[in-house]
Protein backbone atom coordinates (compact mmCIF):
# COMPACT_ATOMS: atom_id res chain seq x y z
CA MET A 1 -22.87 243.86 131.88
CA ALA A 2 -23.43 247.01 133.89
CA ALA A 3 -20.15 248.71 133.06
CA GLU A 4 -17.33 248.29 130.57
CA LEU A 5 -14.09 246.83 131.88
CA THR A 6 -10.92 248.05 130.23
CA ALA A 7 -7.86 245.88 129.76
CA SER A 8 -5.97 247.81 132.42
CA GLU A 9 -8.81 247.36 134.92
CA LEU A 10 -8.95 243.65 134.22
CA ILE A 11 -5.19 243.34 134.65
CA GLU A 12 -5.33 245.29 137.92
CA ASN A 13 -8.15 243.09 139.20
CA HIS A 14 -6.84 239.70 138.16
CA ARG A 15 -3.07 239.81 137.59
CA PRO A 16 -2.35 238.94 141.25
CA THR A 17 -4.52 235.82 140.99
CA LEU A 18 -2.82 234.84 137.73
CA ASP A 19 0.59 235.24 139.36
CA GLN A 20 -0.47 233.08 142.30
CA ALA A 21 -1.73 230.40 139.90
CA LEU A 22 1.59 230.48 138.02
CA GLU A 23 3.44 230.03 141.30
CA ALA A 24 1.13 227.18 142.33
CA ILE A 25 1.73 225.16 139.16
CA ARG A 26 5.46 225.72 139.65
CA THR A 27 5.59 224.56 143.27
CA ARG A 28 2.65 222.07 143.14
CA ALA A 29 1.74 223.21 146.69
CA TYR A 30 -1.86 223.52 147.89
CA TRP A 31 -3.63 226.69 146.73
CA SER A 32 -7.12 227.65 145.66
CA PRO A 33 -8.81 231.05 145.32
CA HIS A 34 -12.27 229.45 145.27
CA PRO A 35 -13.76 228.60 148.71
CA GLU A 36 -15.05 225.05 149.17
CA HIS A 37 -17.50 225.83 151.96
CA PRO A 38 -21.01 227.03 151.03
CA LYS A 39 -21.06 229.53 153.89
CA ALA A 40 -18.13 231.42 152.33
CA TYR A 41 -20.48 232.88 149.72
CA GLY A 42 -22.92 235.75 150.08
CA GLU A 43 -20.66 238.80 150.25
CA SER A 44 -18.97 241.02 147.65
CA GLY A 45 -21.61 240.28 145.06
CA SER A 46 -21.66 236.49 145.34
CA LEU A 47 -24.90 234.58 145.84
CA ASP A 48 -25.54 232.92 149.20
CA ALA A 49 -27.37 229.60 149.51
CA ALA A 50 -30.87 231.04 149.39
CA ALA A 51 -30.14 233.43 146.52
CA GLY A 52 -28.39 230.69 144.54
CA LYS A 53 -31.31 228.30 144.93
CA ALA A 54 -33.72 231.09 143.95
CA ALA A 55 -31.64 231.84 140.85
CA PHE A 56 -31.70 228.18 139.86
CA ASP A 57 -35.43 227.92 140.43
CA ALA A 58 -35.98 231.07 138.37
CA VAL A 59 -34.33 229.58 135.27
CA LEU A 60 -36.43 226.39 135.34
CA GLY A 61 -39.08 226.32 132.66
CA THR A 62 -37.61 229.32 130.82
CA ARG A 63 -35.99 229.97 127.46
CA LEU A 64 -32.27 230.70 127.88
CA ASP A 65 -31.70 233.16 125.07
CA LEU A 66 -27.97 233.71 124.57
CA GLY A 67 -28.35 236.14 121.68
CA GLN A 68 -26.40 233.86 119.33
CA PRO A 69 -26.56 234.28 115.55
CA GLY A 70 -28.01 231.45 113.49
CA THR A 71 -30.60 230.30 116.03
CA ASP A 72 -33.18 228.28 114.09
CA ASP A 73 -35.03 226.44 116.86
CA TRP A 74 -35.33 225.99 120.63
CA VAL A 75 -34.50 222.63 122.19
CA GLY A 76 -34.47 221.08 125.65
CA GLY A 77 -35.83 218.10 127.53
CA GLU A 78 -33.45 217.64 130.46
CA VAL A 79 -34.85 215.53 133.30
CA SER A 80 -32.97 215.54 136.59
CA PRO A 81 -31.72 212.18 137.90
CA TYR A 82 -33.63 213.27 140.99
CA GLY A 83 -36.87 213.04 139.03
CA ILE A 84 -37.78 216.62 138.15
CA GLU A 85 -38.07 218.11 134.66
CA LEU A 86 -35.91 221.19 134.21
CA GLY A 87 -38.00 222.56 131.37
CA VAL A 88 -35.26 224.89 130.09
CA THR A 89 -34.96 225.44 126.35
CA TYR A 90 -31.78 226.46 124.57
CA PRO A 91 -30.91 227.90 121.15
CA HIS A 92 -30.41 225.36 118.39
CA ALA A 93 -27.82 226.64 115.94
CA ASP A 94 -27.57 226.66 112.19
CA VAL A 95 -23.83 226.01 112.25
CA ASP A 96 -23.39 227.39 108.74
CA VAL A 97 -24.33 230.75 110.24
CA LEU A 98 -22.86 230.38 113.72
CA LEU A 99 -19.36 229.16 112.86
CA PRO A 100 -18.49 232.06 110.52
CA ALA A 101 -19.79 234.48 113.17
CA MET A 102 -17.51 232.87 115.75
CA ARG A 103 -14.47 233.28 113.50
CA ALA A 104 -15.16 236.96 112.94
CA GLY A 105 -14.00 237.97 116.42
CA GLN A 106 -10.80 235.98 116.50
CA ARG A 107 -8.52 238.64 115.03
CA ALA A 108 -9.16 241.15 117.80
CA TRP A 109 -8.97 238.39 120.39
CA ARG A 110 -5.63 237.23 118.95
CA ASP A 111 -4.23 240.75 118.87
CA ALA A 112 -5.20 241.35 122.52
CA GLY A 113 -2.28 239.16 123.58
CA PRO A 114 -1.82 236.44 126.21
CA GLU A 115 -2.14 238.65 129.30
CA VAL A 116 -5.40 240.31 128.31
CA ARG A 117 -6.90 237.00 127.23
CA ALA A 118 -5.88 235.47 130.56
CA VAL A 119 -7.45 238.19 132.70
CA VAL A 120 -10.66 238.14 130.65
CA CYS A 121 -10.84 234.41 131.34
CA LEU A 122 -10.28 235.10 135.04
CA GLU A 123 -13.13 237.60 135.00
CA ILE A 124 -15.38 234.90 133.52
CA LEU A 125 -14.31 232.51 136.27
CA LYS A 126 -14.91 235.19 138.92
CA ARG A 127 -18.47 235.75 137.66
CA ILE A 128 -19.08 231.99 137.70
CA SER A 129 -17.61 231.72 141.19
CA ASP A 130 -20.00 234.39 142.44
CA ARG A 131 -22.85 232.15 141.25
CA THR A 132 -21.46 228.91 142.66
CA HIS A 133 -24.62 228.10 144.62
CA GLU A 134 -26.71 228.46 141.46
CA PHE A 135 -24.28 226.36 139.43
CA ALA A 136 -24.25 223.69 142.16
CA HIS A 137 -27.98 223.10 141.74
CA ALA A 138 -27.56 223.02 137.96
CA VAL A 139 -24.80 220.40 138.25
CA MET A 140 -26.73 218.39 140.84
CA HIS A 141 -29.86 218.19 138.73
CA THR A 142 -28.08 217.22 135.53
CA SER A 143 -25.38 214.87 136.84
CA GLY A 144 -27.08 213.26 139.82
CA GLN A 145 -24.29 214.29 142.18
CA ALA A 146 -25.38 214.93 145.76
CA PHE A 147 -25.56 218.64 146.54
CA MET A 148 -22.29 219.00 148.46
CA MET A 149 -20.34 217.17 145.79
CA ALA A 150 -22.06 219.19 143.06
CA PHE A 151 -21.19 222.34 144.98
CA GLN A 152 -17.52 221.48 145.41
CA ALA A 153 -16.68 219.46 142.29
CA GLY A 154 -19.01 221.41 140.01
CA GLY A 155 -18.09 224.75 141.58
CA PRO A 156 -14.70 225.61 143.14
CA HIS A 157 -12.89 222.49 141.95
CA ALA A 158 -14.07 223.02 138.36
CA GLN A 159 -13.17 226.70 138.58
CA ASP A 160 -9.72 225.74 139.88
CA ARG A 161 -9.20 223.47 136.87
CA GLY A 162 -10.28 226.26 134.53
CA LEU A 163 -7.86 228.69 136.18
CA GLU A 164 -5.11 226.10 136.07
CA ALA A 165 -5.62 225.77 132.31
CA VAL A 166 -5.40 229.56 131.92
CA ALA A 167 -2.15 229.64 133.90
CA TYR A 168 -0.56 226.93 131.76
CA ALA A 169 -1.81 228.64 128.60
CA TYR A 170 -0.31 231.95 129.65
CA ALA A 171 3.01 230.36 130.63
CA GLU A 172 3.37 228.55 127.32
CA GLN A 173 2.50 231.62 125.25
CA VAL A 174 4.95 233.97 126.98
CA ARG A 175 7.75 231.41 126.82
CA THR A 176 8.63 233.06 123.51
CA PRO A 177 9.27 236.82 123.69
CA GLU A 178 7.09 239.20 121.68
CA SER A 179 10.10 240.60 119.83
CA ALA A 180 13.84 240.22 119.45
CA GLU A 181 16.77 242.03 117.90
CA TRP A 182 18.93 239.52 116.04
CA THR A 183 22.53 240.36 115.18
CA LYS A 184 24.91 237.94 113.48
CA PRO A 185 28.57 239.04 113.22
CA GLN A 186 30.11 238.91 109.73
CA GLY A 187 33.77 239.45 110.54
CA LYS A 188 35.06 242.54 108.70
CA ARG A 189 31.69 243.12 107.06
CA ASP A 190 28.74 244.78 108.69
CA PRO A 191 26.74 242.39 110.85
CA LEU A 192 23.43 240.97 109.72
CA VAL A 193 20.68 242.63 111.78
CA LEU A 194 17.02 241.67 111.87
CA THR A 195 14.09 242.64 114.03
CA LYS A 196 11.79 239.75 114.74
CA ARG A 197 8.26 239.73 116.07
CA PHE A 198 6.60 236.57 117.43
CA THR A 199 2.84 236.22 117.75
CA ALA A 200 0.88 233.40 119.32
CA VAL A 201 -1.89 232.65 116.83
CA PRO A 202 -4.92 230.45 117.44
CA ARG A 203 -5.62 227.25 115.54
CA GLY A 204 -9.26 228.11 114.90
CA ILE A 205 -12.45 227.13 116.69
CA GLY A 206 -12.31 224.76 119.62
CA LEU A 207 -15.13 222.29 120.24
CA VAL A 208 -15.84 221.16 123.80
CA ILE A 209 -17.97 218.00 123.91
CA GLY A 210 -19.38 217.86 127.42
CA CYS A 211 -20.08 214.81 129.58
CA ASN A 212 -23.12 213.89 131.66
CA THR A 213 -21.38 213.24 134.99
CA PHE A 214 -19.02 216.23 135.38
CA PRO A 215 -20.14 218.91 132.93
CA THR A 216 -18.11 221.76 134.45
CA TRP A 217 -15.17 219.89 136.02
CA ASN A 218 -14.38 218.12 132.77
CA GLY A 219 -15.56 220.95 130.52
CA TYR A 220 -13.69 223.92 131.94
CA PRO A 221 -10.07 222.85 131.26
CA GLY A 222 -10.56 222.58 127.50
CA LEU A 223 -12.85 225.59 127.29
CA PHE A 224 -10.45 227.94 129.07
CA ALA A 225 -7.29 226.45 127.55
CA SER A 226 -8.62 227.12 124.06
CA LEU A 227 -10.05 230.54 124.88
CA ALA A 228 -6.89 231.73 126.64
CA THR A 229 -4.78 230.73 123.63
CA GLY A 230 -6.86 232.86 121.27
CA ASN A 231 -9.38 230.39 119.91
CA ALA A 232 -13.14 230.77 119.75
CA VAL A 233 -14.93 227.95 121.59
CA LEU A 234 -18.13 226.12 120.66
CA VAL A 235 -19.59 224.22 123.64
CA LYS A 236 -21.60 221.09 122.78
CA PRO A 237 -23.05 219.82 126.08
CA HIS A 238 -24.26 216.31 126.76
CA PRO A 239 -28.02 216.40 126.04
CA ARG A 240 -28.75 215.34 129.64
CA ALA A 241 -26.46 218.02 131.11
CA VAL A 242 -26.90 221.24 129.16
CA LEU A 243 -27.78 223.76 131.87
CA PRO A 244 -24.39 224.11 133.67
CA LEU A 245 -22.50 224.69 130.42
CA ALA A 246 -25.24 226.92 128.98
CA LEU A 247 -24.96 229.15 132.04
CA THR A 248 -21.18 229.12 131.58
CA VAL A 249 -21.54 230.25 127.96
CA GLN A 250 -23.98 232.96 129.07
CA VAL A 251 -21.44 234.37 131.56
CA ALA A 252 -18.57 234.15 129.07
CA ARG A 253 -20.51 236.03 126.41
CA GLU A 254 -21.44 238.78 128.87
CA VAL A 255 -17.83 239.25 130.00
CA LEU A 256 -16.42 239.20 126.46
CA ALA A 257 -18.91 241.84 125.32
CA GLY A 258 -18.25 243.98 128.38
CA ALA A 259 -14.51 243.82 127.78
CA GLY A 260 -14.95 244.99 124.19
CA PHE A 261 -14.66 241.65 122.40
CA ASP A 262 -17.07 239.75 120.20
CA PRO A 263 -19.35 237.63 122.42
CA ASN A 264 -19.56 235.06 119.64
CA LEU A 265 -16.09 233.91 120.63
CA VAL A 266 -18.00 231.54 122.92
CA ALA A 267 -21.23 229.87 121.82
CA LEU A 268 -23.50 226.95 122.66
CA ALA A 269 -24.49 224.04 120.41
CA ALA A 270 -27.52 222.37 121.97
CA GLU A 271 -29.19 219.57 120.05
CA ARG A 272 -32.59 218.06 119.39
CA PRO A 273 -33.33 214.67 120.99
CA GLY A 274 -31.44 211.99 119.11
CA GLU A 275 -29.83 214.46 116.72
CA GLY A 276 -26.27 213.45 117.56
CA ILE A 277 -24.54 216.58 116.25
CA ALA A 278 -21.14 215.82 117.83
CA LYS A 279 -19.92 213.82 114.82
CA THR A 280 -21.08 216.49 112.39
CA LEU A 281 -19.41 219.29 114.33
CA ALA A 282 -16.23 217.32 115.01
CA THR A 283 -15.47 216.91 111.31
CA ARG A 284 -16.28 220.47 110.22
CA PRO A 285 -13.21 222.14 108.68
CA GLU A 286 -13.62 225.17 110.98
CA ILE A 287 -13.11 223.00 114.08
CA LYS A 288 -9.40 222.83 114.85
CA ILE A 289 -9.41 221.65 118.50
CA ILE A 290 -11.64 219.10 120.21
CA ASP A 291 -11.93 218.37 123.92
CA TYR A 292 -13.91 215.27 124.79
CA THR A 293 -14.77 213.30 127.92
CA GLY A 294 -16.82 210.13 127.59
CA SER A 295 -16.92 206.63 126.20
CA THR A 296 -13.91 204.93 124.68
CA SER A 297 -15.78 204.10 121.49
CA PHE A 298 -16.61 207.70 120.62
CA GLY A 299 -13.22 208.94 121.81
CA ASP A 300 -11.55 206.46 119.46
CA TRP A 301 -13.86 207.61 116.65
CA LEU A 302 -12.86 211.24 117.21
CA GLU A 303 -9.17 210.41 117.19
CA ALA A 304 -9.58 208.45 113.95
CA ASN A 305 -11.95 210.74 112.06
CA ALA A 306 -11.50 214.34 113.23
CA ARG A 307 -8.27 214.55 111.30
CA GLN A 308 -8.39 218.32 110.82
CA ALA A 309 -8.39 218.93 114.57
CA GLN A 310 -6.08 218.55 117.53
CA VAL A 311 -8.07 216.07 119.65
CA TYR A 312 -7.83 215.79 123.43
CA THR A 313 -9.72 212.83 124.90
CA GLU A 314 -10.45 211.48 128.33
CA LYS A 315 -12.03 208.10 127.72
CA ALA A 316 -12.45 205.05 129.95
CA GLY A 317 -10.10 202.79 131.83
CA VAL A 318 -10.07 199.97 134.34
CA ASN A 319 -8.83 201.52 137.56
CA THR A 320 -7.04 199.07 139.82
CA VAL A 321 -6.01 198.85 143.48
CA LEU A 322 -3.42 196.26 144.50
CA VAL A 323 -3.85 195.10 148.12
CA HIS A 324 -0.74 193.37 149.45
CA SER A 325 -0.34 194.44 153.10
CA THR A 326 -1.12 197.33 155.41
CA ASP A 327 -0.19 198.67 158.83
CA ASP A 328 -3.61 200.37 159.14
CA TYR A 329 -6.22 197.79 158.21
CA LYS A 330 -9.15 199.79 159.55
CA GLY A 331 -7.97 202.96 157.77
CA MET A 332 -7.47 201.08 154.51
CA LEU A 333 -10.98 199.62 154.61
CA SER A 334 -12.50 202.99 155.50
CA ASN A 335 -10.64 204.74 152.69
CA LEU A 336 -11.59 202.12 150.11
CA ALA A 337 -15.23 202.08 151.23
CA PHE A 338 -15.50 205.83 150.70
CA SER A 339 -13.75 205.64 147.32
CA LEU A 340 -16.13 202.92 146.09
CA SER A 341 -19.22 204.78 147.34
CA LEU A 342 -18.61 208.42 146.38
CA TYR A 343 -21.11 209.51 143.70
CA SER A 344 -22.18 205.90 143.24
CA GLY A 345 -18.86 205.07 141.60
CA GLN A 346 -19.77 207.28 138.63
CA MET A 347 -16.31 208.83 138.40
CA CYS A 348 -13.65 208.06 135.83
CA THR A 349 -11.24 207.69 138.77
CA THR A 350 -13.26 205.23 140.92
CA PRO A 351 -11.46 201.93 141.62
CA GLN A 352 -12.97 198.93 139.87
CA ASN A 353 -10.59 196.01 140.38
CA LEU A 354 -9.17 195.13 143.80
CA LEU A 355 -6.31 192.66 143.30
CA ILE A 356 -5.89 190.56 146.47
CA PRO A 357 -3.66 187.49 146.90
CA ARG A 358 -5.84 184.41 147.37
CA ASP A 359 -3.66 183.37 150.34
CA GLY A 360 -4.46 186.69 152.03
CA ILE A 361 -2.57 189.74 153.26
CA THR A 362 -0.65 190.82 156.33
CA THR A 363 -2.09 193.61 158.48
CA ASP A 364 -1.64 195.28 161.85
CA GLN A 365 -4.58 193.12 162.98
CA GLY A 366 -2.90 189.88 161.93
CA PRO A 367 -3.15 187.93 158.68
CA LYS A 368 -6.40 188.26 156.72
CA THR A 369 -7.57 185.80 154.09
CA PHE A 370 -8.98 186.86 150.73
CA ASP A 371 -12.49 186.09 151.96
CA GLU A 372 -11.93 188.03 155.19
CA VAL A 373 -10.67 191.09 153.34
CA THR A 374 -13.66 191.14 151.00
CA ALA A 375 -16.10 190.52 153.87
CA ASP A 376 -14.52 193.26 155.98
CA LEU A 377 -14.62 195.69 153.07
CA ALA A 378 -18.30 194.85 152.52
CA ARG A 379 -18.96 195.59 156.20
CA ALA A 380 -17.07 198.89 155.91
CA VAL A 381 -19.23 199.96 152.96
CA ASP A 382 -22.36 198.84 154.82
CA GLY A 383 -21.31 200.80 157.87
CA LEU A 384 -20.58 203.90 155.83
CA LEU A 385 -23.91 203.76 154.02
CA GLY A 386 -26.08 202.16 156.70
CA ASP A 387 -27.79 205.44 157.50
CA ASP A 388 -29.95 206.54 154.55
CA THR A 389 -29.33 210.25 155.14
CA ARG A 390 -25.59 209.75 154.95
CA ALA A 391 -25.99 207.35 152.03
CA ASN A 392 -27.92 209.93 150.00
CA ALA A 393 -25.30 212.58 150.77
CA LEU A 394 -22.51 210.33 149.46
CA LEU A 395 -24.17 208.38 146.67
CA GLY A 396 -26.22 211.02 144.88
CA ALA A 397 -28.40 209.47 142.18
CA ILE A 398 -27.76 207.01 139.35
CA VAL A 399 -27.17 209.26 136.35
CA ASN A 400 -28.86 207.19 133.65
CA PRO A 401 -30.55 203.81 133.00
CA ASP A 402 -27.38 202.29 131.51
CA VAL A 403 -25.56 202.57 134.85
CA LYS A 404 -28.50 200.96 136.64
CA ALA A 405 -28.55 198.10 134.13
CA ARG A 406 -24.82 197.43 134.58
CA LEU A 407 -25.20 197.44 138.35
CA GLU A 408 -28.04 194.93 138.22
CA ALA A 409 -26.19 192.67 135.78
CA ALA A 410 -22.97 192.65 137.82
CA ALA A 411 -24.45 190.41 140.52
CA GLY A 412 -24.60 187.60 137.97
CA LEU A 413 -20.89 187.74 137.16
CA GLY A 414 -19.60 185.97 140.29
CA GLU A 415 -20.03 185.46 144.00
CA VAL A 416 -21.51 188.59 145.57
CA ALA A 417 -19.54 189.83 148.58
CA LEU A 418 -21.74 192.90 148.99
CA ALA A 419 -25.19 193.16 147.47
CA SER A 420 -26.50 196.50 146.28
CA ARG A 421 -29.56 197.89 148.02
CA GLU A 422 -32.07 200.55 147.10
CA VAL A 423 -32.04 203.79 149.11
CA THR A 424 -35.01 206.13 149.27
CA ASN A 425 -34.44 209.86 148.98
CA PRO A 426 -37.26 211.59 150.93
CA GLU A 427 -36.65 214.97 149.25
CA PHE A 428 -36.63 213.49 145.74
CA PRO A 429 -38.75 210.33 145.63
CA GLY A 430 -38.05 209.94 141.90
CA ALA A 431 -34.30 209.54 142.40
CA VAL A 432 -32.73 206.16 141.66
CA VAL A 433 -30.24 205.60 144.51
CA ARG A 434 -28.29 202.36 144.90
CA THR A 435 -25.40 201.28 147.12
CA PRO A 436 -22.34 199.60 145.53
CA VAL A 437 -22.01 195.92 144.70
CA ILE A 438 -18.77 194.00 145.26
CA VAL A 439 -18.34 190.77 143.29
CA LYS A 440 -15.62 188.18 143.91
CA LEU A 441 -13.81 186.91 140.80
CA ASP A 442 -10.88 184.58 140.18
CA GLY A 443 -7.93 186.04 138.32
CA ALA A 444 -6.97 182.59 137.07
CA LYS A 445 -10.28 181.85 135.36
CA PRO A 446 -10.64 182.99 131.73
CA ASP A 447 -14.42 183.38 132.13
CA ASP A 448 -13.91 185.86 134.97
CA GLU A 449 -11.29 187.81 133.01
CA ALA A 450 -13.91 189.05 130.56
CA ALA A 451 -15.62 190.84 133.47
CA TYR A 452 -12.70 192.40 135.30
CA MET A 453 -10.85 193.39 132.11
CA SER A 454 -13.83 195.46 130.90
CA GLU A 455 -14.86 198.82 132.33
CA CYS A 456 -18.09 198.56 134.31
CA PHE A 457 -18.86 202.24 134.93
CA GLY A 458 -20.92 202.78 138.06
CA PRO A 459 -21.09 201.38 141.61
CA VAL A 460 -19.54 198.03 140.68
CA SER A 461 -16.24 196.67 141.97
CA PHE A 462 -14.52 193.31 141.57
CA ALA A 463 -12.41 191.66 144.26
CA VAL A 464 -10.04 189.62 142.11
CA ALA A 465 -8.15 186.72 143.70
CA VAL A 466 -4.60 186.39 142.38
CA ASP A 467 -2.03 183.67 143.06
CA SER A 468 0.74 185.98 144.26
CA VAL A 469 1.83 189.59 144.48
CA THR A 470 3.95 188.97 141.38
CA ASP A 471 0.84 187.91 139.50
CA ALA A 472 -0.96 190.97 140.83
CA VAL A 473 1.77 193.31 139.57
CA GLU A 474 1.73 191.69 136.14
CA LEU A 475 -2.06 191.84 135.95
CA LEU A 476 -1.87 195.49 136.92
CA ARG A 477 0.62 196.10 134.12
CA ARG A 478 -1.51 194.29 131.54
CA THR A 479 -4.67 196.10 132.63
CA VAL A 480 -3.11 199.56 132.32
CA ARG A 481 -1.39 198.73 129.04
CA GLU A 482 -4.43 197.19 127.35
CA LYS A 483 -7.37 199.00 128.95
CA GLY A 484 -5.86 202.13 130.46
CA ALA A 485 -6.32 203.58 133.93
CA MET A 486 -7.00 207.05 135.24
CA THR A 487 -5.91 205.95 138.72
CA VAL A 488 -3.93 203.16 140.36
CA GLY A 489 -3.81 202.49 144.09
CA ALA A 490 -1.69 200.14 146.15
CA TYR A 491 -1.45 199.05 149.78
CA THR A 492 1.81 197.49 150.85
CA THR A 493 4.31 197.64 153.68
CA ASP A 494 6.92 195.84 151.59
CA THR A 495 9.57 198.00 149.93
CA GLU A 496 10.10 195.62 147.01
CA THR A 497 6.39 195.42 146.25
CA GLU A 498 6.05 199.19 146.42
CA ARG A 499 8.99 199.58 144.06
CA ALA A 500 7.52 197.04 141.62
CA VAL A 501 4.13 198.77 141.53
CA GLU A 502 5.75 202.17 141.12
CA GLU A 503 7.86 200.87 138.23
CA VAL A 504 4.77 199.55 136.46
CA CYS A 505 3.08 202.93 136.80
CA LEU A 506 6.15 204.77 135.54
CA GLU A 507 6.51 202.46 132.55
CA GLU A 508 2.79 202.44 131.69
CA ALA A 509 2.19 206.13 132.57
CA ALA A 510 -0.46 205.72 135.27
CA GLN A 511 -1.02 208.01 138.25
CA LEU A 512 -0.35 206.11 141.50
CA SER A 513 -1.59 206.62 145.07
CA LEU A 514 0.11 204.59 147.80
CA ASN A 515 -1.28 203.55 151.19
CA LEU A 516 -4.09 206.08 151.45
CA THR A 517 -5.81 205.62 154.82
CA GLY A 518 -6.89 209.14 155.75
CA GLY A 519 -8.95 211.91 154.18
CA VAL A 520 -7.38 211.81 150.71
CA TYR A 521 -8.88 209.31 148.27
CA VAL A 522 -7.61 207.69 145.09
CA ASN A 523 -10.50 209.09 143.04
CA GLN A 524 -9.90 212.73 143.97
CA THR A 525 -7.30 215.10 142.50
CA ALA A 526 -6.38 218.66 143.39
CA ALA A 527 -5.89 221.35 140.75
CA PHE A 528 -2.49 223.07 140.56
CA SER A 529 -0.87 219.99 142.15
CA ASP A 530 -2.25 216.64 140.94
CA PHE A 531 -2.35 215.56 137.31
CA HIS A 532 -5.67 214.05 136.26
CA GLY A 533 -4.76 211.30 133.83
CA SER A 534 -1.35 211.14 132.21
CA GLY A 535 -1.98 211.06 128.47
CA GLY A 536 0.29 208.02 128.35
CA ASN A 537 -2.11 205.08 128.49
CA PRO A 538 -5.37 204.21 126.68
CA ALA A 539 -7.62 205.89 129.27
CA ALA A 540 -6.73 209.39 128.03
CA ASN A 541 -4.45 211.02 125.48
CA ALA A 542 -4.03 214.16 127.60
CA ALA A 543 -3.50 215.17 131.21
CA LEU A 544 -5.44 217.80 133.12
CA THR A 545 -3.52 219.98 133.25
CA ASP A 546 0.02 220.28 131.92
CA GLY A 547 1.96 222.18 129.28
CA ALA A 548 1.16 219.61 126.60
CA PHE A 549 -2.56 220.20 127.17
CA VAL A 550 -2.29 223.83 126.06
CA ALA A 551 0.84 224.22 123.93
CA ASN A 552 -0.60 222.82 120.70
CA ARG A 553 -3.74 224.98 120.83
CA PHE A 554 -1.72 227.83 119.31
CA ARG A 555 1.27 228.26 117.04
CA VAL A 556 3.90 230.98 116.98
CA VAL A 557 4.16 232.98 113.76
CA GLU A 558 7.28 235.03 113.14
CA VAL A 559 7.59 238.23 111.13
CA ARG A 560 11.17 239.40 110.52
CA ARG A 561 12.53 242.53 108.93
CA GLU A 562 15.92 243.93 108.19
CA ALA A 563 16.76 246.55 110.77
């Protein structure tokens, strides 16, 4: 860091942004300080497209030395889903050395108070934002997202979620005043008078267990929520997606040191191939908070075994769209086609099951049978992805062999309404790019239920024929209750059906999108306004982001004295 930043300078620089974030989470109106368009970068110290690509290229094949204590080896091995080896190596930590070093700086960080912690976090986010183009390439080549999605979701949208977490953390901490004068009348006797001081104290060290598909978007909320509430944070990236979070740790350590704090408040835990250190770290007594995004099986294991920690999980669900009727048939098909195709369906919010009455639906283009709806949706996806250039820009690359295997196996589960096809990426010939598959299943057949009631992560969707809208609503309820859902969608022009679907989502705590036919999609959420997950069904035990996500990362300790 070129120059030291004092607390007052940080407050002057970032308090206005913090105040705007606090207002945004209060009103839930649209707001973002981080530009979505690549051309917005290149001034005031931020990297433009060429400089960001050059910075990314410069880190390939290098050793990313973070200056962490306890480094006993150098590890790496990331291969881009686009077919190139990154060749970056990272410090491997002796946690018996690293964890005590991380705890050493917590006292000063605690004593700095909520406002200073918040503005330091905002300085970290500002430095990351200035390097958005560089981070976009890092996200693209670890997650398989297409560049524009990696730029937006891995850059400004992730930064928004980090800032949102800081705002909630600040709001919860200052809910209790720093001090109070307490006077209790005693009638004719002198009153009882105490002075009381209240301090937000951290739980300990937070552990962020990163995911392969959205390393920054899913990693930043927990990282910044824990840091802003006074905790040190150990970042354990997914072994296929280390670089974006390693760069994040690098920036955080630089800012902390420049602001006069111990850089070891944030550290990286990279692992050797097959080492599987997440379980070891998650049960260490020093780890008091865990943030995890990934499979249900490991999320359940964390919740059952990391008993010493407050565990926040985003796991898996079976996202469902109920199709009953629409007054914009073309818009509905277009919206669904985009939702099924974006990032090859490799989003925790992508619809999987489309519940459609077997007798068909009513539309502005007349009645449509179940077979017509599925055929028309297949044509809409084909039309959207018919041009390979556009297809590559929407689909990105298949993130790992497991997704490819599920996609290939799905065709054998039922009648194929839309077959997947291979797409060639001229810029990256090694990329595995596939269009979605849509399979028709019968909701009344027990053999088909095993398929549609299991999550099939990737570009796989099931058109499920149901006997009636009543059956569809009940199947929706059972799916959310038993399997969880990050998102629910519904298309209906009938008030009673809309009310029934809404009631299911209220009772089962699932986020609902109704009649989306324009440029907003069921698998996208906006920071400061939309809640990602609810924490109320099996798909996740927390929501990004609300007060509950931050409030239990610290406790309030009271010291009282007689006046």
